[in-house]
Every structure is written in C-alpha cells, then in structure tokens.
Amino acid sequence: MAVYSASTVTNPITNIGGQNMSYGVVRTDLMAGTDVRSLLVSVKYMGSGSTATAIENGNVVKVDGTFAAKGESASEREILKGVTPAANTAISEIVLIATPELMYDERKHNLDEFRNEAGAICRGYRLHSGDVFSVTADALDFNTNETTDGKVDSIVELKAGVKLNVKVSAATDGSTVVGKVVAKDVVGKYTYYVIRVA
C-alpha cells in the first residue's frame, strides 16, 4: 500500500504536466449590459476566423457578424461570431467575455477552474464608456518592458490577442485604449484589477 504525503499529491484538474492551469476570473461590477440588454450578447469564439476555440472569462473578442449571415444555421441568427481582435480594433466592436461559471465536473470548485470550452456560446458585454469591470491577472498581459503589477492609473489597451494589455506609461501607438486600472481589489484568494472603460 502506497503512502502519499500532501506535498506529492497534485490536483489533476489544476496541475497538468506540472503547470498550474488557472484561468481568468471576471466581475461585472458596473456594466451597462446588466440593465441595457442590447449591450449583452451571445457570442461563439472562433479564434482567427473559422475554428471554434476555448476562451477564458475576462478576455475580449471582436464581433464579426452573426453565423446566420455567414451561411450557417438560421437557428444561430442571434449568436455573434467572435474572432481575435487586432490592437487597433474599434472599441465598439469589442465584447468582454463574462459567462456565468457553471461547472459540470464535480471536482472543480473554484472560479479560476472555469473556462468556455471550444464551441460554447458565451455571454459577452459590449463595452460602454464609464463601465467598470474587474479581472484577475490570468486575463491580462503586463508589458514586460515596464515595471508594473497593474498599478492604479495603468493604461489598459487592446493588443493582437484576446488578453488586455496593461501599461504604466503612454499607450502603444496604434492600439485602442480600453480604459485604466482604477483599483486593485483582493477578495478571498483572488486579486482583481478594477478597470474603468474610457
């Protein structure tokens, strides 16, 4: 009979190949889409265009029309196609992924164990000036050329990818500014970066 110490037993869900597999967590603190339903959308993330791809909460996608408009099933007429945004994508085309965390695997209990699997229909919020949302570091990219840990007043901008880019100094030329980090909030085991949309 084998005896295991607590330090040698790993959780198969969060430790795959020796890597911690935590995903982004999002809070929709003060989003217009909570009350204005036209700013709340259903979206399926299709990567760079044609392949259904998994995506984490707190990431952003560019809306690229509906599936029905692209010759897909008419039953998907209200589902928007989400693709990877470019750094200069207009803010009006951006959607924040914030799907309720429903986990069907009984071994998963934490918000950072949830992600939207490939082909899933996600809840998305269109960004509106003055909106406030919070995300964990897993949903952000911090500029490696600067000393930053998501300091208050850091600029949050788009980049070529689904994660938002955080910078301390001026925004990157040609990038769309999403807003600023207005607070850093620790709730239980999660550290949230509170972002106000410009």
C-alpha atoms as a PDB file:
ATOM      1  CA  MET A   1       0.000   0.000   0.000  1.00  0.00           C
ATOM      2  CA  ALA A   2       1.449   3.348  -1.086  1.00  0.00           C
ATOM      3  CA  VAL A   3       1.596   6.274   1.298  1.00  0.00           C
ATOM      4  CA  TYR A   4       1.380   9.788  -0.123  1.00  0.00           C
ATOM      5  CA  SER A   5       2.255  12.996   1.588  1.00  0.00           C
ATOM      6  CA  ALA A   6       0.208  16.130   0.910  1.00  0.00           C
ATOM      7  CA  SER A   7       3.148  17.642  -0.985  1.00  0.00           C
ATOM      8  CA  THR A   8       3.296  14.797  -3.530  1.00  0.00           C
ATOM      9  CA  VAL A   9      -0.392  14.577  -4.417  1.00  0.00           C
ATOM     10  CA  THR A  10      -1.473  17.008  -7.123  1.00  0.00           C
ATOM     11  CA  ASN A  11      -4.925  18.009  -8.245  1.00  0.00           C
ATOM     12  CA  PRO A  12      -5.333  16.580 -11.776  1.00  0.00           C
ATOM     13  CA  ILE A  13      -7.595  19.478 -12.757  1.00  0.00           C
ATOM     14  CA  THR A  14      -5.296  22.337 -11.797  1.00  0.00           C
ATOM     15  CA  ASN A  15      -1.935  20.687 -12.324  1.00  0.00           C
ATOM     16  CA  ILE A  16      -1.472  19.274 -15.804  1.00  0.00           C
ATOM     17  CA  GLY A  17       2.029  18.434 -16.876  1.00  0.00           C
ATOM     18  CA  GLY A  18       3.403  20.257 -13.829  1.00  0.00           C
ATOM     19  CA  GLN A  19       1.728  23.528 -14.852  1.00  0.00           C
ATOM     20  CA  ASN A  20      -0.846  25.375 -12.784  1.00  0.00           C
ATOM     21  CA  MET A  21      -3.903  25.652 -15.013  1.00  0.00           C
ATOM     22  CA  SER A  22      -5.788  28.619 -13.579  1.00  0.00           C
ATOM     23  CA  TYR A  23      -7.986  30.690 -15.843  1.00  0.00           C
ATOM     24  CA  GLY A  24      -9.106  34.305 -15.811  1.00  0.00           C
ATOM     25  CA  VAL A  25     -11.909  35.367 -13.485  1.00  0.00           C
ATOM     26  CA  VAL A  26     -14.151  38.359 -14.227  1.00  0.00           C
ATOM     27  CA  ARG A  27     -16.545  40.503 -12.201  1.00  0.00           C
ATOM     28  CA  THR A  28     -19.080  42.721 -13.967  1.00  0.00           C
ATOM     29  CA  ASP A  29     -19.054  45.422 -11.288  1.00  0.00           C
ATOM     30  CA  LEU A  30     -20.890  48.212 -13.115  1.00  0.00           C
ATOM     31  CA  MET A  31     -21.596  47.204 -16.695  1.00  0.00           C
ATOM     32  CA  ALA A  32     -24.266  48.878 -18.832  1.00  0.00           C
ATOM     33  CA  GLY A  33     -25.145  45.432 -20.242  1.00  0.00           C
ATOM     34  CA  THR A  34     -26.569  44.435 -16.859  1.00  0.00           C
ATOM     35  CA  ASP A  35     -29.540  46.780 -17.381  1.00  0.00           C
ATOM     36  CA  VAL A  36     -29.438  47.550 -21.116  1.00  0.00           C
ATOM     37  CA  ARG A  37     -29.989  44.182 -22.767  1.00  0.00           C
ATOM     38  CA  SER A  38     -28.828  45.376 -26.204  1.00  0.00           C
ATOM     39  CA  LEU A  39     -25.305  45.607 -24.710  1.00  0.00           C
ATOM     40  CA  LEU A  40     -25.419  41.945 -23.597  1.00  0.00           C
ATOM     41  CA  VAL A  41     -24.753  39.444 -26.384  1.00  0.00           C
ATOM     42  CA  SER A  42     -24.300  35.737 -27.074  1.00  0.00           C
ATOM     43  CA  VAL A  43     -21.015  35.030 -28.826  1.00  0.00           C
ATOM     44  CA  LYS A  44     -19.088  31.963 -30.003  1.00  0.00           C
ATOM     45  CA  TYR A  45     -15.307  32.432 -30.174  1.00  0.00           C
ATOM     46  CA  MET A  46     -13.849  31.246 -33.472  1.00  0.00           C
ATOM     47  CA  GLY A  47     -10.149  32.048 -32.974  1.00  0.00           C
ATOM     48  CA  SER A  48      -8.734  33.721 -36.057  1.00  0.00           C
ATOM     49  CA  GLY A  49     -11.882  33.056 -38.043  1.00  0.00           C
ATOM     50  CA  SER A  50     -13.086  29.517 -38.668  1.00  0.00           C
ATOM     51  CA  THR A  51     -12.148  27.178 -35.793  1.00  0.00           C
ATOM     52  CA  ALA A  52     -14.161  27.040 -32.566  1.00  0.00           C
ATOM     53  CA  THR A  53     -11.681  27.785 -29.773  1.00  0.00           C
ATOM     54  CA  ALA A  54     -11.783  27.776 -25.950  1.00  0.00           C
ATOM     55  CA  ILE A  55     -11.654  31.188 -24.251  1.00  0.00           C
ATOM     56  CA  GLU A  56     -11.384  32.402 -20.663  1.00  0.00           C
ATOM     57  CA  ASN A  57     -13.669  34.800 -18.848  1.00  0.00           C
ATOM     58  CA  GLY A  58     -12.169  38.284 -18.758  1.00  0.00           C
ATOM     59  CA  ASN A  59     -10.809  38.006 -22.314  1.00  0.00           C
ATOM     60  CA  VAL A  60     -12.093  40.146 -25.182  1.00  0.00           C
ATOM     61  CA  VAL A  61     -13.150  39.310 -28.732  1.00  0.00           C
ATOM     62  CA  LYS A  62     -14.017  41.275 -31.853  1.00  0.00           C
ATOM     63  CA  VAL A  63     -17.587  40.810 -33.096  1.00  0.00           C
ATOM     64  CA  ASP A  64     -17.554  39.625 -36.721  1.00  0.00           C
ATOM     65  CA  GLY A  65     -21.253  39.410 -37.617  1.00  0.00           C
ATOM     66  CA  THR A  66     -23.679  36.559 -36.985  1.00  0.00           C
ATOM     67  CA  PHE A  67     -23.388  32.935 -38.006  1.00  0.00           C
ATOM     68  CA  ALA A  68     -26.683  33.137 -39.961  1.00  0.00           C
ATOM     69  CA  ALA A  69     -25.227  35.972 -42.069  1.00  0.00           C
ATOM     70  CA  LYS A  70     -22.261  33.747 -42.894  1.00  0.00           C
ATOM     71  CA  GLY A  71     -24.374  30.892 -44.286  1.00  0.00           C
ATOM     72  CA  GLU A  72     -24.616  28.922 -41.047  1.00  0.00           C
ATOM     73  CA  SER A  73     -27.797  27.572 -39.468  1.00  0.00           C
ATOM     74  CA  ALA A  74     -30.657  30.042 -39.111  1.00  0.00           C
ATOM     75  CA  SER A  75     -31.040  28.764 -35.527  1.00  0.00           C
ATOM     76  CA  GLU A  76     -27.835  30.648 -34.709  1.00  0.00           C
ATOM     77  CA  ARG A  77     -29.085  34.011 -36.008  1.00  0.00           C
ATOM     78  CA  GLU A  78     -28.700  35.675 -32.610  1.00  0.00           C
ATOM     79  CA  ILE A  79     -25.286  34.222 -31.863  1.00  0.00           C
ATOM     80  CA  LEU A  80     -22.457  36.556 -32.811  1.00  0.00           C
ATOM     81  CA  LYS A  81     -19.187  35.305 -34.217  1.00  0.00           C
ATOM     82  CA  GLY A  82     -16.231  36.390 -32.084  1.00  0.00           C
ATOM     83  CA  VAL A  83     -12.708  36.493 -33.507  1.00  0.00           C
ATOM     84  CA  THR A  84      -9.314  37.504 -32.148  1.00  0.00           C
ATOM     85  CA  PRO A  85      -9.076  41.309 -32.154  1.00  0.00           C
ATOM     86  CA  ALA A  86      -6.251  43.372 -33.586  1.00  0.00           C
ATOM     87  CA  ALA A  87      -4.568  46.042 -31.460  1.00  0.00           C
ATOM     88  CA  ASN A  88      -6.417  48.783 -33.369  1.00  0.00           C
ATOM     89  CA  THR A  89      -9.910  47.219 -33.370  1.00  0.00           C
ATOM     90  CA  ALA A  90     -12.577  49.844 -32.621  1.00  0.00           C
ATOM     91  CA  ILE A  91     -13.936  49.658 -29.070  1.00  0.00           C
ATOM     92  CA  SER A  92     -17.479  49.453 -30.496  1.00  0.00           C
ATOM     93  CA  GLU A  93     -16.591  46.033 -31.989  1.00  0.00           C
ATOM     94  CA  ILE A  94     -15.171  44.613 -28.725  1.00  0.00           C
ATOM     95  CA  VAL A  95     -17.017  42.269 -26.354  1.00  0.00           C
ATOM     96  CA  LEU A  96     -15.851  41.285 -22.836  1.00  0.00           C
ATOM     97  CA  ILE A  97     -16.391  37.559 -22.183  1.00  0.00           C
ATOM     98  CA  ALA A  98     -18.197  37.047 -18.863  1.00  0.00           C
ATOM     99  CA  THR A  99     -20.058  33.738 -18.862  1.00  0.00           C
ATOM    100  CA  PRO A 100     -21.622  32.504 -15.590  1.00  0.00           C
ATOM    101  CA  GLU A 101     -19.314  29.832 -14.133  1.00  0.00           C
ATOM    102  CA  LEU A 102     -21.332  26.622 -14.404  1.00  0.00           C
ATOM    103  CA  MET A 103     -19.029  23.657 -13.874  1.00  0.00           C
ATOM    104  CA  TYR A 104     -20.324  20.195 -14.588  1.00  0.00           C
ATOM    105  CA  ASP A 105     -17.180  18.455 -13.323  1.00  0.00           C
ATOM    106  CA  GLU A 106     -17.791  17.848  -9.619  1.00  0.00           C
ATOM    107  CA  ARG A 107     -14.031  18.004  -8.957  1.00  0.00           C
ATOM    108  CA  LYS A 108     -13.990  21.714  -9.879  1.00  0.00           C
ATOM    109  CA  HIS A 109     -14.992  24.187  -7.194  1.00  0.00           C
ATOM    110  CA  ASN A 110     -13.095  27.394  -7.889  1.00  0.00           C
ATOM    111  CA  LEU A 111     -13.881  30.244 -10.283  1.00  0.00           C
ATOM    112  CA  ASP A 112     -10.376  30.032 -11.773  1.00  0.00           C
ATOM    113  CA  GLU A 113     -11.025  26.444 -12.885  1.00  0.00           C
ATOM    114  CA  PHE A 114     -13.705  27.582 -15.350  1.00  0.00           C
ATOM    115  CA  ARG A 115     -13.236  28.417 -18.995  1.00  0.00           C
ATOM    116  CA  ASN A 116     -15.544  28.490 -22.002  1.00  0.00           C
ATOM    117  CA  GLU A 117     -14.756  25.350 -23.983  1.00  0.00           C
ATOM    118  CA  ALA A 118     -14.424  25.329 -27.775  1.00  0.00           C
ATOM    119  CA  GLY A 119     -17.832  25.764 -29.407  1.00  0.00           C
ATOM    120  CA  ALA A 120     -19.512  27.080 -26.248  1.00  0.00           C
ATOM    121  CA  ILE A 121     -21.893  30.005 -26.543  1.00  0.00           C
ATOM    122  CA  CYS A 122     -20.502  32.685 -24.226  1.00  0.00           C
ATOM    123  CA  ARG A 123     -22.053  35.698 -22.547  1.00  0.00           C
ATOM    124  CA  GLY A 124     -20.454  38.903 -23.749  1.00  0.00           C
ATOM    125  CA  TYR A 125     -20.722  42.530 -22.677  1.00  0.00           C
ATOM    126  CA  ARG A 126     -20.277  45.350 -25.180  1.00  0.00           C
ATOM    127  CA  LEU A 127     -18.011  47.977 -23.628  1.00  0.00           C
ATOM    128  CA  HIS A 128     -19.552  51.358 -22.871  1.00  0.00           C
ATOM    129  CA  SER A 129     -17.808  54.491 -21.581  1.00  0.00           C
ATOM    130  CA  GLY A 130     -17.942  54.504 -17.773  1.00  0.00           C
ATOM    131  CA  ASP A 131     -18.403  50.731 -17.423  1.00  0.00           C
ATOM    132  CA  VAL A 132     -16.428  49.129 -14.588  1.00  0.00           C
ATOM    133  CA  PHE A 133     -15.297  45.504 -14.600  1.00  0.00           C
ATOM    134  CA  SER A 134     -12.634  43.552 -12.741  1.00  0.00           C
ATOM    135  CA  VAL A 135     -10.392  40.716 -13.897  1.00  0.00           C
ATOM    136  CA  THR A 136      -7.658  38.592 -12.363  1.00  0.00           C
ATOM    137  CA  ALA A 137      -4.090  38.646 -13.683  1.00  0.00           C
ATOM    138  CA  ASP A 138      -4.694  35.483 -15.733  1.00  0.00           C
ATOM    139  CA  ALA A 139      -6.876  37.555 -18.080  1.00  0.00           C
ATOM    140  CA  LEU A 140      -4.243  40.282 -18.570  1.00  0.00           C
ATOM    141  CA  ASP A 141      -0.847  40.751 -20.180  1.00  0.00           C
ATOM    142  CA  PHE A 142       1.534  43.034 -18.335  1.00  0.00           C
ATOM    143  CA  ASN A 143       4.035  44.890 -20.500  1.00  0.00           C
ATOM    144  CA  THR A 144       7.373  43.176 -19.894  1.00  0.00           C
ATOM    145  CA  ASN A 145       9.346  46.307 -20.786  1.00  0.00           C
ATOM    146  CA  GLU A 146       7.943  48.181 -17.803  1.00  0.00           C
ATOM    147  CA  THR A 147       7.856  47.593 -14.069  1.00  0.00           C
ATOM    148  CA  THR A 148       4.169  47.065 -13.482  1.00  0.00           C
ATOM    149  CA  ASP A 149       1.925  44.901 -11.405  1.00  0.00           C
ATOM    150  CA  GLY A 150      -1.285  46.563 -12.507  1.00  0.00           C
ATOM    151  CA  LYS A 151      -0.699  49.773 -10.587  1.00  0.00           C
ATOM    152  CA  VAL A 152      -3.608  52.187 -10.265  1.00  0.00           C
ATOM    153  CA  ASP A 153      -3.732  54.526 -13.298  1.00  0.00           C
ATOM    154  CA  SER A 154      -2.084  51.930 -15.563  1.00  0.00           C
ATOM    155  CA  ILE A 155      -3.429  52.085 -19.108  1.00  0.00           C
ATOM    156  CA  VAL A 156      -5.442  49.123 -20.386  1.00  0.00           C
ATOM    157  CA  GLU A 157      -5.378  48.661 -24.150  1.00  0.00           C
ATOM    158  CA  LEU A 158      -6.088  46.132 -26.867  1.00  0.00           C
ATOM    159  CA  LYS A 159      -3.341  44.072 -28.438  1.00  0.00           C
ATOM    160  CA  ALA A 160      -3.310  41.387 -31.118  1.00  0.00           C
ATOM    161  CA  GLY A 161      -4.874  38.696 -28.946  1.00  0.00           C
ATOM    162  CA  VAL A 162      -7.719  38.111 -26.511  1.00  0.00           C
ATOM    163  CA  LYS A 163      -5.942  39.341 -23.365  1.00  0.00           C
ATOM    164  CA  LEU A 164      -5.953  43.038 -22.495  1.00  0.00           C
ATOM    165  CA  ASN A 165      -2.546  44.722 -22.302  1.00  0.00           C
ATOM    166  CA  VAL A 166      -1.622  46.734 -19.178  1.00  0.00           C
ATOM    167  CA  LYS A 167       0.981  49.552 -19.385  1.00  0.00           C
ATOM    168  CA  VAL A 168       2.206  52.143 -16.903  1.00  0.00           C
ATOM    169  CA  SER A 169       3.383  54.740 -19.415  1.00  0.00           C
ATOM    170  CA  ALA A 170       1.692  56.003 -22.575  1.00  0.00           C
ATOM    171  CA  ALA A 171      -0.483  53.751 -24.710  1.00  0.00           C
ATOM    172  CA  THR A 172       1.150  51.868 -27.569  1.00  0.00           C
ATOM    173  CA  ASP A 173       0.961  53.718 -30.892  1.00  0.00           C
ATOM    174  CA  GLY A 174      -1.905  52.332 -32.947  1.00  0.00           C
ATOM    175  CA  SER A 175      -3.553  50.471 -30.058  1.00  0.00           C
ATOM    176  CA  THR A 176      -7.107  51.112 -28.917  1.00  0.00           C
ATOM    177  CA  VAL A 177      -7.272  52.283 -25.300  1.00  0.00           C
ATOM    178  CA  VAL A 178      -9.947  50.417 -23.340  1.00  0.00           C
ATOM    179  CA  GLY A 179      -9.551  52.312 -20.067  1.00  0.00           C
ATOM    180  CA  LYS A 180      -7.486  52.460 -16.870  1.00  0.00           C
ATOM    181  CA  VAL A 181      -6.883  50.377 -13.773  1.00  0.00           C
ATOM    182  CA  VAL A 182      -8.668  52.331 -11.029  1.00  0.00           C
ATOM    183  CA  ALA A 183      -8.126  49.932  -8.118  1.00  0.00           C
ATOM    184  CA  LYS A 184      -6.625  46.642  -7.070  1.00  0.00           C
ATOM    185  CA  ASP A 185      -9.106  44.593  -5.048  1.00  0.00           C
ATOM    186  CA  VAL A 186      -8.300  41.452  -3.019  1.00  0.00           C
ATOM    187  CA  VAL A 187     -11.321  39.234  -2.385  1.00  0.00           C
ATOM    188  CA  GLY A 188     -10.525  35.904  -0.747  1.00  0.00           C
ATOM    189  CA  LYS A 189      -7.835  34.203  -2.825  1.00  0.00           C
ATOM    190  CA  TYR A 190      -8.390  36.399  -5.900  1.00  0.00           C
ATOM    191  CA  THR A 191      -6.703  39.700  -6.715  1.00  0.00           C
ATOM    192  CA  TYR A 192      -8.827  41.713  -9.123  1.00  0.00           C
ATOM    193  CA  TYR A 193      -7.692  44.620 -11.284  1.00  0.00           C
ATOM    194  CA  VAL A 194     -10.610  47.033 -11.450  1.00  0.00           C
ATOM    195  CA  ILE A 195     -10.857  48.658 -14.897  1.00  0.00           C
ATOM    196  CA  ARG A 196     -12.956  51.694 -15.853  1.00  0.00           C
ATOM    197  CA  VAL A 197     -13.738  51.921 -19.570  1.00  0.00           C
ATOM    198  CA  ALA A 198     -12.652  55.220 -21.159  1.00  0.00           C
END
